[in-house]
Each structure stands twice: as structure tokens, then as C-alpha cells.
PDB file of N, CA and C in Angstrom:
ATOM      1  N   UNK A   1       0.652  -1.354  -0.176  1.00  0.00           N
ATOM      2  CA  UNK A   1      -0.092  -0.045  -0.203  1.00  0.00           C
ATOM      3  C   UNK A   1       1.373   1.044  -0.045  1.00  0.00           C
ATOM      4  N   UNK A   2       0.555   2.355  -0.600  1.00  0.00           N
ATOM      5  CA  UNK A   2       0.632   3.807  -1.018  1.00  0.00           C
ATOM      6  C   UNK A   2       0.225   4.834  -1.124  1.00  0.00           C
ATOM      7  N   UNK A   3       0.449   5.624  -0.512  1.00  0.00           N
ATOM      8  CA  UNK A   3      -0.413   7.028  -0.634  1.00  0.00           C
ATOM      9  C   UNK A   3      -0.174   7.623  -1.905  1.00  0.00           C
ATOM     10  N   UNK A   4      -1.978   7.721  -2.568  1.00  0.00           N
ATOM     11  CA  UNK A   4      -1.558   8.062  -3.672  1.00  0.00           C
ATOM     12  C   UNK A   4      -2.470   9.276  -4.600  1.00  0.00           C
ATOM     13  N   UNK A   5      -3.175   9.819  -3.384  1.00  0.00           N
ATOM     14  CA  UNK A   5      -3.789  11.008  -3.462  1.00  0.00           C
ATOM     15  C   UNK A   5      -4.770  11.469  -2.226  1.00  0.00           C
ATOM     16  N   UNK A   6      -5.044  12.165  -1.416  1.00  0.00           N
ATOM     17  CA  UNK A   6      -5.429  13.148  -0.681  1.00  0.00           C
ATOM     18  C   UNK A   6      -5.897  14.620  -0.516  1.00  0.00           C
ATOM     19  N   UNK A   7      -6.239  14.770   0.508  1.00  0.00           N
ATOM     20  CA  UNK A   7      -6.972  15.906   0.714  1.00  0.00           C
ATOM     21  C   UNK A   7      -6.853  16.587   2.145  1.00  0.00           C
ATOM     22  N   UNK A   8      -6.379  18.213   2.826  1.00  0.00           N
ATOM     23  CA  UNK A   8      -6.454  18.038   3.801  1.00  0.00           C
ATOM     24  C   UNK A   8      -7.641  19.798   4.147  1.00  0.00           C
ATOM     25  N   UNK A   9      -7.798  19.337   5.629  1.00  0.00           N
ATOM     26  CA  UNK A   9      -9.030  20.548   5.151  1.00  0.00           C
ATOM     27  C   UNK A   9      -9.035  20.936   7.027  1.00  0.00           C
ATOM     28  N   UNK A  10     -10.317  21.463   7.685  1.00  0.00           N
ATOM     29  CA  UNK A  10     -10.346  21.815   9.029  1.00  0.00           C
ATOM     30  C   UNK A  10     -11.533  21.875   9.226  1.00  0.00           C
ATOM     31  N   UNK A  11     -11.728  21.314  10.487  1.00  0.00           N
ATOM     32  CA  UNK A  11     -13.451  21.196  10.758  1.00  0.00           C
ATOM     33  C   UNK A  11     -13.479  21.874  12.069  1.00  0.00           C
ATOM     34  N   UNK A  12     -15.159  23.006  12.037  1.00  0.00           N
ATOM     35  CA  UNK A  12     -15.381  22.937  13.051  1.00  0.00           C
ATOM     36  C   UNK A  12     -16.774  22.609  13.291  1.00  0.00           C
ATOM     37  N   UNK A  13     -16.892  22.621  14.564  1.00  0.00           N
ATOM     38  CA  UNK A  13     -18.477  22.083  14.735  1.00  0.00           C
ATOM     39  C   UNK A  13     -18.867  21.014  13.591  1.00  0.00           C
ATOM     40  N   UNK A  14     -20.227  21.403  12.720  1.00  0.00           N
ATOM     41  CA  UNK A  14     -19.357  20.032  11.661  1.00  0.00           C
ATOM     42  C   UNK A  14     -19.621  21.109  10.257  1.00  0.00           C
ATOM     43  N   UNK A  15     -19.228  21.512  10.150  1.00  0.00           N
ATOM     44  CA  UNK A  15     -18.308  22.673   8.977  1.00  0.00           C
ATOM     45  C   UNK A  15     -16.893  22.206   8.685  1.00  0.00           C
ATOM     46  N   UNK A  16     -16.870  21.461   7.687  1.00  0.00           N
ATOM     47  CA  UNK A  16     -16.035  21.015   6.862  1.00  0.00           C
ATOM     48  C   UNK A  16     -15.489  22.470   5.710  1.00  0.00           C
ATOM     49  N   UNK A  17     -14.137  22.561   5.925  1.00  0.00           N
ATOM     50  CA  UNK A  17     -13.452  23.386   4.877  1.00  0.00           C
ATOM     51  C   UNK A  17     -11.903  23.358   4.631  1.00  0.00           C
ATOM     52  N   UNK A  18     -12.404  22.982   3.527  1.00  0.00           N
ATOM     53  CA  UNK A  18     -11.758  21.729   2.051  1.00  0.00           C
ATOM     54  C   UNK A  18     -10.009  23.248   1.909  1.00  0.00           C
ATOM     55  N   UNK A  19      -8.976  22.742   1.990  1.00  0.00           N
ATOM     56  CA  UNK A  19      -7.925  23.021   2.199  1.00  0.00           C
ATOM     57  C   UNK A  19      -7.175  22.923   0.992  1.00  0.00           C
ATOM     58  N   UNK A  20      -6.922  21.756   0.704  1.00  0.00           N
ATOM     59  CA  UNK A  20      -5.983  21.610  -1.164  1.00  0.00           C
ATOM     60  C   UNK A  20      -6.531  19.904  -0.380  1.00  0.00           C
ATOM     61  N   UNK A  21      -6.281  19.825  -1.781  1.00  0.00           N
ATOM     62  CA  UNK A  21      -6.447  18.589  -2.649  1.00  0.00           C
ATOM     63  C   UNK A  21      -4.642  17.793  -3.388  1.00  0.00           C
ATOM     64  N   UNK A  22      -4.255  16.912  -3.494  1.00  0.00           N
ATOM     65  CA  UNK A  22      -3.075  16.844  -4.371  1.00  0.00           C
ATOM     66  C   UNK A  22      -3.378  15.228  -4.617  1.00  0.00           C
ATOM     67  N   UNK A  23      -2.691  14.629  -5.695  1.00  0.00           N
ATOM     68  CA  UNK A  23      -2.412  13.493  -6.397  1.00  0.00           C
ATOM     69  C   UNK A  23      -0.908  13.456  -7.030  1.00  0.00           C
ATOM     70  N   UNK A  24      -1.233  11.843  -6.917  1.00  0.00           N
ATOM     71  CA  UNK A  24       0.049  11.615  -7.948  1.00  0.00           C
ATOM     72  C   UNK A  24       0.297  10.084  -8.896  1.00  0.00           C
ATOM     73  N   UNK A  25      -1.377  10.256  -8.473  1.00  0.00           N
ATOM     74  CA  UNK A  25      -2.063   9.308  -9.743  1.00  0.00           C
ATOM     75  C   UNK A  25      -3.278  10.036 -10.225  1.00  0.00           C
ATOM     76  N   UNK A  26      -3.777   9.815 -11.653  1.00  0.00           N
ATOM     77  CA  UNK A  26      -4.482  10.273 -11.808  1.00  0.00           C
ATOM     78  C   UNK A  26      -5.845   9.741 -11.369  1.00  0.00           C
ATOM     79  N   UNK A  27      -6.567  10.274 -11.034  1.00  0.00           N
ATOM     80  CA  UNK A  27      -8.225  10.775  -9.817  1.00  0.00           C
ATOM     81  C   UNK A  27      -7.678  10.406  -8.768  1.00  0.00           C
ATOM     82  N   UNK A  28      -6.798  10.187  -7.977  1.00  0.00           N
ATOM     83  CA  UNK A  28      -6.931   9.767  -6.826  1.00  0.00           C
ATOM     84  C   UNK A  28      -6.746  10.403  -5.657  1.00  0.00           C
ATOM     85  N   UNK A  29      -7.406  12.439  -5.700  1.00  0.00           N
ATOM     86  CA  UNK A  29      -7.973  13.187  -5.317  1.00  0.00           C
ATOM     87  C   UNK A  29      -9.438  13.200  -5.285  1.00  0.00           C
ATOM     88  N   UNK A  30      -9.898  12.451  -6.765  1.00  0.00           N
ATOM     89  CA  UNK A  30     -10.961  12.553  -6.529  1.00  0.00           C
ATOM     90  C   UNK A  30     -11.738  11.234  -5.713  1.00  0.00           C
ATOM     91  N   UNK A  31     -11.341  10.207  -5.207  1.00  0.00           N
ATOM     92  CA  UNK A  31     -11.158   9.063  -4.837  1.00  0.00           C
ATOM     93  C   UNK A  31     -11.707   9.948  -3.571  1.00  0.00           C
ATOM     94  N   UNK A  32      -9.903  10.475  -2.386  1.00  0.00           N
ATOM     95  CA  UNK A  32     -10.483  10.876  -1.200  1.00  0.00           C
ATOM     96  C   UNK A  32     -11.440  11.637  -1.605  1.00  0.00           C
ATOM     97  N   UNK A  33     -11.804  13.054  -2.105  1.00  0.00           N
ATOM     98  CA  UNK A  33     -12.967  13.743  -2.233  1.00  0.00           C
ATOM     99  C   UNK A  33     -14.124  12.594  -1.548  1.00  0.00           C
ATOM    100  N   UNK A  34     -14.394  11.809  -2.852  1.00  0.00           N
ATOM    101  CA  UNK A  34     -15.484  10.920  -2.467  1.00  0.00           C
ATOM    102  C   UNK A  34     -15.876  10.277  -1.652  1.00  0.00           C
ATOM    103  N   UNK A  35     -14.241   9.367  -0.805  1.00  0.00           N
ATOM    104  CA  UNK A  35     -14.204   9.055   0.867  1.00  0.00           C
ATOM    105  C   UNK A  35     -15.163  10.072   1.878  1.00  0.00           C
ATOM    106  N   UNK A  36     -14.330  11.421   1.834  1.00  0.00           N
ATOM    107  CA  UNK A  36     -14.629  11.986   2.716  1.00  0.00           C
ATOM    108  C   UNK A  36     -15.764  12.448   2.311  1.00  0.00           C
ATOM    109  N   UNK A  37     -16.567  12.673   1.681  1.00  0.00           N
ATOM    110  CA  UNK A  37     -18.149  13.372   1.271  1.00  0.00           C
ATOM    111  C   UNK A  37     -19.042  11.911   1.619  1.00  0.00           C
ATOM    112  N   UNK A  38     -18.422  11.166   1.623  1.00  0.00           N
ATOM    113  CA  UNK A  38     -19.955   9.373   2.277  1.00  0.00           C
ATOM    114  C   UNK A  38     -19.649   9.313   3.652  1.00  0.00           C
ATOM    115  N   UNK A  39     -18.284   9.698   3.829  1.00  0.00           N
ATOM    116  CA  UNK A  39     -17.609   9.715   5.498  1.00  0.00           C
ATOM    117  C   UNK A  39     -19.276  10.656   6.142  1.00  0.00           C
ATOM    118  N   UNK A  40     -18.785  12.096   6.343  1.00  0.00           N
ATOM    119  CA  UNK A  40     -18.872  13.140   6.669  1.00  0.00           C
ATOM    120  C   UNK A  40     -20.226  13.257   6.491  1.00  0.00           C
ATOM    121  N   UNK A  41     -21.547  12.896   5.091  1.00  0.00           N
ATOM    122  CA  UNK A  41     -22.892  12.268   4.601  1.00  0.00           C
ATOM    123  C   UNK A  41     -22.971  11.303   5.485  1.00  0.00           C
ATOM    124  N   UNK A  42     -22.675  10.308   6.163  1.00  0.00           N
ATOM    125  CA  UNK A  42     -23.360   9.571   7.389  1.00  0.00           C
ATOM    126  C   UNK A  42     -22.939  10.277   8.722  1.00  0.00           C
ATOM    127  N   UNK A  43     -22.647  11.224   8.873  1.00  0.00           N
ATOM    128  CA  UNK A  43     -22.427  11.809  10.048  1.00  0.00           C
ATOM    129  C   UNK A  43     -22.972  13.109  10.466  1.00  0.00           C
ATOM    130  N   UNK A  44     -23.868  13.457   9.444  1.00  0.00           N
ATOM    131  CA  UNK A  44     -24.902  13.887   8.900  1.00  0.00           C
ATOM    132  C   UNK A  44     -24.334  15.437   8.507  1.00  0.00           C
ATOM    133  N   UNK A  45     -22.919  15.691   7.938  1.00  0.00           N
ATOM    134  CA  UNK A  45     -22.558  16.598   7.410  1.00  0.00           C
ATOM    135  C   UNK A  45     -23.099  17.186   6.352  1.00  0.00           C
ATOM    136  N   UNK A  46     -23.828  18.270   6.416  1.00  0.00           N
ATOM    137  CA  UNK A  46     -24.028  19.001   5.227  1.00  0.00           C
ATOM    138  C   UNK A  46     -23.431  19.227   3.901  1.00  0.00           C
ATOM    139  N   UNK A  47     -22.362  19.588   4.256  1.00  0.00           N
ATOM    140  CA  UNK A  47     -21.553  21.321   3.419  1.00  0.00           C
ATOM    141  C   UNK A  47     -20.375  20.929   3.924  1.00  0.00           C
ATOM    142  N   UNK A  48     -19.367  20.886   2.523  1.00  0.00           N
ATOM    143  CA  UNK A  48     -17.941  21.011   2.447  1.00  0.00           C
ATOM    144  C   UNK A  48     -17.415  22.306   1.858  1.00  0.00           C
ATOM    145  N   UNK A  49     -17.025  23.293   2.386  1.00  0.00           N
ATOM    146  CA  UNK A  49     -16.496  24.387   1.341  1.00  0.00           C
ATOM    147  C   UNK A  49     -15.726  23.929   1.155  1.00  0.00           C
ATOM    148  N   UNK A  50     -15.793  24.139   0.026  1.00  0.00           N
ATOM    149  CA  UNK A  50     -14.195  23.510  -1.159  1.00  0.00           C
ATOM    150  C   UNK A  50     -13.420  25.317  -1.558  1.00  0.00           C
ATOM    151  N   UNK A  51     -14.532  26.654  -1.495  1.00  0.00           N
ATOM    152  CA  UNK A  51     -13.531  27.340  -1.657  1.00  0.00           C
ATOM    153  C   UNK A  51     -13.178  27.816  -2.980  1.00  0.00           C
ATOM    154  N   UNK A  52     -13.206  27.161  -3.712  1.00  0.00           N
ATOM    155  CA  UNK A  52     -12.928  27.426  -5.209  1.00  0.00           C
ATOM    156  C   UNK A  52     -14.222  27.143  -6.187  1.00  0.00           C
ATOM    157  N   UNK A  53     -14.810  27.824  -6.957  1.00  0.00           N
ATOM    158  CA  UNK A  53     -14.961  27.355  -8.489  1.00  0.00           C
ATOM    159  C   UNK A  53     -14.113  26.829  -9.313  1.00  0.00           C
ATOM    160  N   UNK A  54     -13.840  25.565  -9.450  1.00  0.00           N
ATOM    161  CA  UNK A  54     -13.006  24.696 -10.211  1.00  0.00           C
ATOM    162  C   UNK A  54     -13.558  24.093 -11.302  1.00  0.00           C
ATOM    163  N   UNK A  55     -13.897  23.757 -12.432  1.00  0.00           N
ATOM    164  CA  UNK A  55     -13.814  22.771 -13.651  1.00  0.00           C
ATOM    165  C   UNK A  55     -14.291  21.637 -12.589  1.00  0.00           C
ATOM    166  N   UNK A  56     -12.631  20.915 -12.229  1.00  0.00           N
ATOM    167  CA  UNK A  56     -12.420  19.542 -11.697  1.00  0.00           C
ATOM    168  C   UNK A  56     -13.484  19.649 -10.315  1.00  0.00           C
ATOM    169  N   UNK A  57     -14.046  20.414  -9.253  1.00  0.00           N
ATOM    170  CA  UNK A  57     -14.543  20.554  -8.625  1.00  0.00           C
ATOM    171  C   UNK A  57     -16.438  20.442  -9.004  1.00  0.00           C
ATOM    172  N   UNK A  58     -16.400  21.316  -9.649  1.00  0.00           N
ATOM    173  CA  UNK A  58     -18.203  21.201 -10.543  1.00  0.00           C
ATOM    174  C   UNK A  58     -17.780  19.866 -10.864  1.00  0.00           C
ATOM    175  N   UNK A  59     -17.084  19.295 -11.537  1.00  0.00           N
ATOM    176  CA  UNK A  59     -17.337  17.704 -11.781  1.00  0.00           C
ATOM    177  C   UNK A  59     -17.457  16.667 -11.502  1.00  0.00           C
ATOM    178  N   UNK A  60     -17.251  17.301 -10.283  1.00  0.00           N
ATOM    179  CA  UNK A  60     -17.254  16.377  -8.983  1.00  0.00           C
ATOM    180  C   UNK A  60     -18.525  16.379  -7.751  1.00  0.00           C
ATOM    181  N   UNK A  61     -19.471  17.476  -8.442  1.00  0.00           N
ATOM    182  CA  UNK A  61     -21.393  17.886  -7.670  1.00  0.00           C
ATOM    183  C   UNK A  61     -21.335  18.773  -7.110  1.00  0.00           C
ATOM    184  N   UNK A  62     -19.929  19.345  -6.960  1.00  0.00           N
ATOM    185  CA  UNK A  62     -19.896  20.805  -6.341  1.00  0.00           C
ATOM    186  C   UNK A  62     -20.839  21.715  -6.892  1.00  0.00           C
ATOM    187  N   UNK A  63     -21.252  22.921  -5.911  1.00  0.00           N
ATOM    188  CA  UNK A  63     -21.963  23.558  -6.625  1.00  0.00           C
ATOM    189  C   UNK A  63     -21.909  24.768  -5.897  1.00  0.00           C
ATOM    190  N   UNK A  64     -22.315  25.995  -6.588  1.00  0.00           N
ATOM    191  CA  UNK A  64     -22.035  27.649  -6.236  1.00  0.00           C
ATOM    192  C   UNK A  64     -23.318  27.722  -5.262  1.00  0.00           C
ATOM    193  N   UNK A  65     -22.568  28.237  -4.226  1.00  0.00           N
ATOM    194  CA  UNK A  65     -23.753  28.762  -3.406  1.00  0.00           C
ATOM    195  C   UNK A  65     -23.503  30.350  -3.264  1.00  0.00           C
ATOM    196  N   UNK A  66     -24.854  31.007  -3.140  1.00  0.00           N
ATOM    197  CA  UNK A  66     -24.785  32.825  -2.548  1.00  0.00           C
ATOM    198  C   UNK A  66     -23.481  32.899  -1.660  1.00  0.00           C
ATOM    199  N   UNK A  67     -22.972  34.386  -1.303  1.00  0.00           N
ATOM    200  CA  UNK A  67     -22.416  34.239   0.066  1.00  0.00           C
ATOM    201  C   UNK A  67     -23.284  34.513   0.902  1.00  0.00           C
ATOM    202  N   UNK A  68     -24.473  34.778   0.691  1.00  0.00           N
ATOM    203  CA  UNK A  68     -25.546  34.897   1.889  1.00  0.00           C
ATOM    204  C   UNK A  68     -25.830  33.349   2.419  1.00  0.00           C
ATOM    205  N   UNK A  69     -26.301  33.088   1.635  1.00  0.00           N
ATOM    206  CA  UNK A  69     -27.212  31.118   2.144  1.00  0.00           C
ATOM    207  C   UNK A  69     -25.203  30.947   2.638  1.00  0.00           C
ATOM    208  N   UNK A  70     -24.483  30.806   2.065  1.00  0.00           N
ATOM    209  CA  UNK A  70     -23.045  30.137   2.558  1.00  0.00           C
ATOM    210  C   UNK A  70     -23.041  30.736   3.689  1.00  0.00           C
ATOM    211  N   UNK A  71     -23.076  32.442   4.637  1.00  0.00           N
ATOM    212  CA  UNK A  71     -22.502  32.374   5.627  1.00  0.00           C
ATOM    213  C   UNK A  71     -23.463  32.150   6.242  1.00  0.00           C
ATOM    214  N   UNK A  72     -24.858  32.227   5.914  1.00  0.00           N
ATOM    215  CA  UNK A  72     -26.111  31.272   6.986  1.00  0.00           C
ATOM    216  C   UNK A  72     -25.916  29.970   7.151  1.00  0.00           C
ATOM    217  N   UNK A  73     -25.712  29.582   6.702  1.00  0.00           N
ATOM    218  CA  UNK A  73     -25.357  27.503   6.435  1.00  0.00           C
ATOM    219  C   UNK A  73     -23.751  27.655   7.779  1.00  0.00           C
ATOM    220  N   UNK A  74     -22.554  28.778   7.161  1.00  0.00           N
ATOM    221  CA  UNK A  74     -21.426  28.371   8.172  1.00  0.00           C
ATOM    222  C   UNK A  74     -21.931  28.776   9.990  1.00  0.00           C
ATOM    223  N   UNK A  75     -22.235  29.522   9.655  1.00  0.00           N
ATOM    224  CA  UNK A  75     -23.091  30.185  10.972  1.00  0.00           C
ATOM    225  C   UNK A  75     -23.563  29.367  11.646  1.00  0.00           C
ATOM    226  N   UNK A  76     -24.214  28.525  11.308  1.00  0.00           N
ATOM    227  CA  UNK A  76     -25.494  27.308  11.942  1.00  0.00           C
ATOM    228  C   UNK A  76     -24.358  26.090  12.292  1.00  0.00           C
ATOM    229  N   UNK A  77     -23.850  25.865  11.241  1.00  0.00           N
ATOM    230  CA  UNK A  77     -23.138  24.496  11.023  1.00  0.00           C
ATOM    231  C   UNK A  77     -21.849  24.309  11.883  1.00  0.00           C
ATOM    232  N   UNK A  78     -20.894  25.785  12.070  1.00  0.00           N
ATOM    233  CA  UNK A  78     -19.980  25.328  12.874  1.00  0.00           C
ATOM    234  C   UNK A  78     -20.345  25.787  14.971  1.00  0.00           C
ATOM    235  N   UNK A  79     -21.817  25.707  14.723  1.00  0.00           N
ATOM    236  CA  UNK A  79     -22.139  25.666  16.463  1.00  0.00           C
ATOM    237  C   UNK A  79     -22.644  24.668  17.077  1.00  0.00           C
ATOM    238  N   UNK A  80     -22.848  23.664  15.845  1.00  0.00           N
ATOM    239  CA  UNK A  80     -23.203  22.391  16.090  1.00  0.00           C
ATOM    240  C   UNK A  80     -22.393  21.329  16.473  1.00  0.00           C
ATOM    241  N   UNK A  81     -22.607  20.693  17.563  1.00  0.00           N
ATOM    242  CA  UNK A  81     -21.566  19.594  18.223  1.00  0.00           C
ATOM    243  C   UNK A  81     -20.830  19.079  16.733  1.00  0.00           C
ATOM    244  N   UNK A  82     -19.613  18.715  17.045  1.00  0.00           N
ATOM    245  CA  UNK A  82     -19.187  17.221  16.173  1.00  0.00           C
ATOM    246  C   UNK A  82     -19.698  15.879  16.353  1.00  0.00           C
ATOM    247  N   UNK A  83     -19.008  15.235  17.253  1.00  0.00           N
ATOM    248  CA  UNK A  83     -19.500  14.291  17.695  1.00  0.00           C
ATOM    249  C   UNK A  83     -18.665  12.949  17.540  1.00  0.00           C
ATOM    250  N   UNK A  84     -17.764  13.556  16.890  1.00  0.00           N
ATOM    251  CA  UNK A  84     -17.181  12.091  16.491  1.00  0.00           C
ATOM    252  C   UNK A  84     -15.240  12.679  16.243  1.00  0.00           C
ATOM    253  N   UNK A  85     -14.695  11.326  17.120  1.00  0.00           N
ATOM    254  CA  UNK A  85     -13.455  11.656  16.729  1.00  0.00           C
ATOM    255  C   UNK A  85     -12.618  11.156  15.660  1.00  0.00           C
ATOM    256  N   UNK A  86     -11.894  12.190  14.682  1.00  0.00           N
ATOM    257  CA  UNK A  86     -11.164  11.530  13.666  1.00  0.00           C
ATOM    258  C   UNK A  86     -10.019  10.808  13.381  1.00  0.00           C
ATOM    259  N   UNK A  87     -10.086   9.905  13.114  1.00  0.00           N
ATOM    260  CA  UNK A  87      -9.219   8.803  12.740  1.00  0.00           C
ATOM    261  C   UNK A  87      -8.993   8.728  11.532  1.00  0.00           C
ATOM    262  N   UNK A  88      -7.515   8.448  11.154  1.00  0.00           N
ATOM    263  CA  UNK A  88      -7.483   7.842   9.729  1.00  0.00           C
ATOM    264  C   UNK A  88      -8.345   6.755   9.272  1.00  0.00           C
ATOM    265  N   UNK A  89      -9.024   5.796   9.402  1.00  0.00           N
ATOM    266  CA  UNK A  89      -9.205   4.748   9.560  1.00  0.00           C
ATOM    267  C   UNK A  89     -10.239   5.554   8.553  1.00  0.00           C
ATOM    268  N   UNK A  90     -10.906   6.480   9.311  1.00  0.00           N
ATOM    269  CA  UNK A  90     -12.656   7.032   9.368  1.00  0.00           C
ATOM    270  C   UNK A  90     -13.065   7.192   7.681  1.00  0.00           C
ATOM    271  N   UNK A  91     -11.862   7.878   7.448  1.00  0.00           N
ATOM    272  CA  UNK A  91     -11.581   8.070   5.474  1.00  0.00           C
ATOM    273  C   UNK A  91     -11.009   7.752   4.726  1.00  0.00           C
ATOM    274  N   UNK A  92      -9.547   6.619   5.167  1.00  0.00           N
ATOM    275  CA  UNK A  92      -9.436   5.867   3.850  1.00  0.00           C
ATOM    276  C   UNK A  92     -10.206   4.948   3.354  1.00  0.00           C
ATOM    277  N   UNK A  93     -10.233   4.728   2.425  1.00  0.00           N
ATOM    278  CA  UNK A  93     -11.342   4.104   1.544  1.00  0.00           C
ATOM    279  C   UNK A  93     -10.503   2.772   1.723  1.00  0.00           C
ATOM    280  N   UNK A  94     -11.066   1.834   2.165  1.00  0.00           N
ATOM    281  CA  UNK A  94     -10.310   0.158   2.227  1.00  0.00           C
ATOM    282  C   UNK A  94     -10.134  -0.655   1.024  1.00  0.00           C
TER     283      UNK A  94
END
């Protein structure tokens, strides 16, 4: 086994702020984002801040929000309890 791609970010409450993605082989960052999305959805987290509108992210299903809607969602989500301990095995595809 070897690391072929991934991403990192910051979570506050139930809000995840994506910071960067990397890929050493084609589509590895897509697989990492998919795994994170599945895990967060399973925990009841409705939103990931991708920070940028890129063709890559849009191809993965990202949507653009108005600033007002985004700020309202962030204000609500950061105050919700996380309820989870982050571990690598939580988001590492098996």
C-alpha cells in the first residue's frame, strides 16, 4: 500500500473547510474527496467548503452558493456539536 492522493482541511462544529487536494496518480484526489463526502454524509454533515469554483470540483458535483446562503449555513453548522473523533481509518478507503 502507498499513498497516491488525498486532501486536508479543517473542521469546526459540523462544517468542513477543504484546504487542498493532491494526486500522485490520475483521479486519486477524486477518490479521496468521494471518501470524505461519504463519511461526512454518514455523520450528518451537509456541507464542505471547497473555497473555489473549479472545473475539477464542479465535475465532482460541487455547487455554487450565494454568499448570504453560505454565511448563514456556516453560522449554523459551526455551532453544532461534531460528535466524532477523527481517525485516519474513518476516511481512508479500504
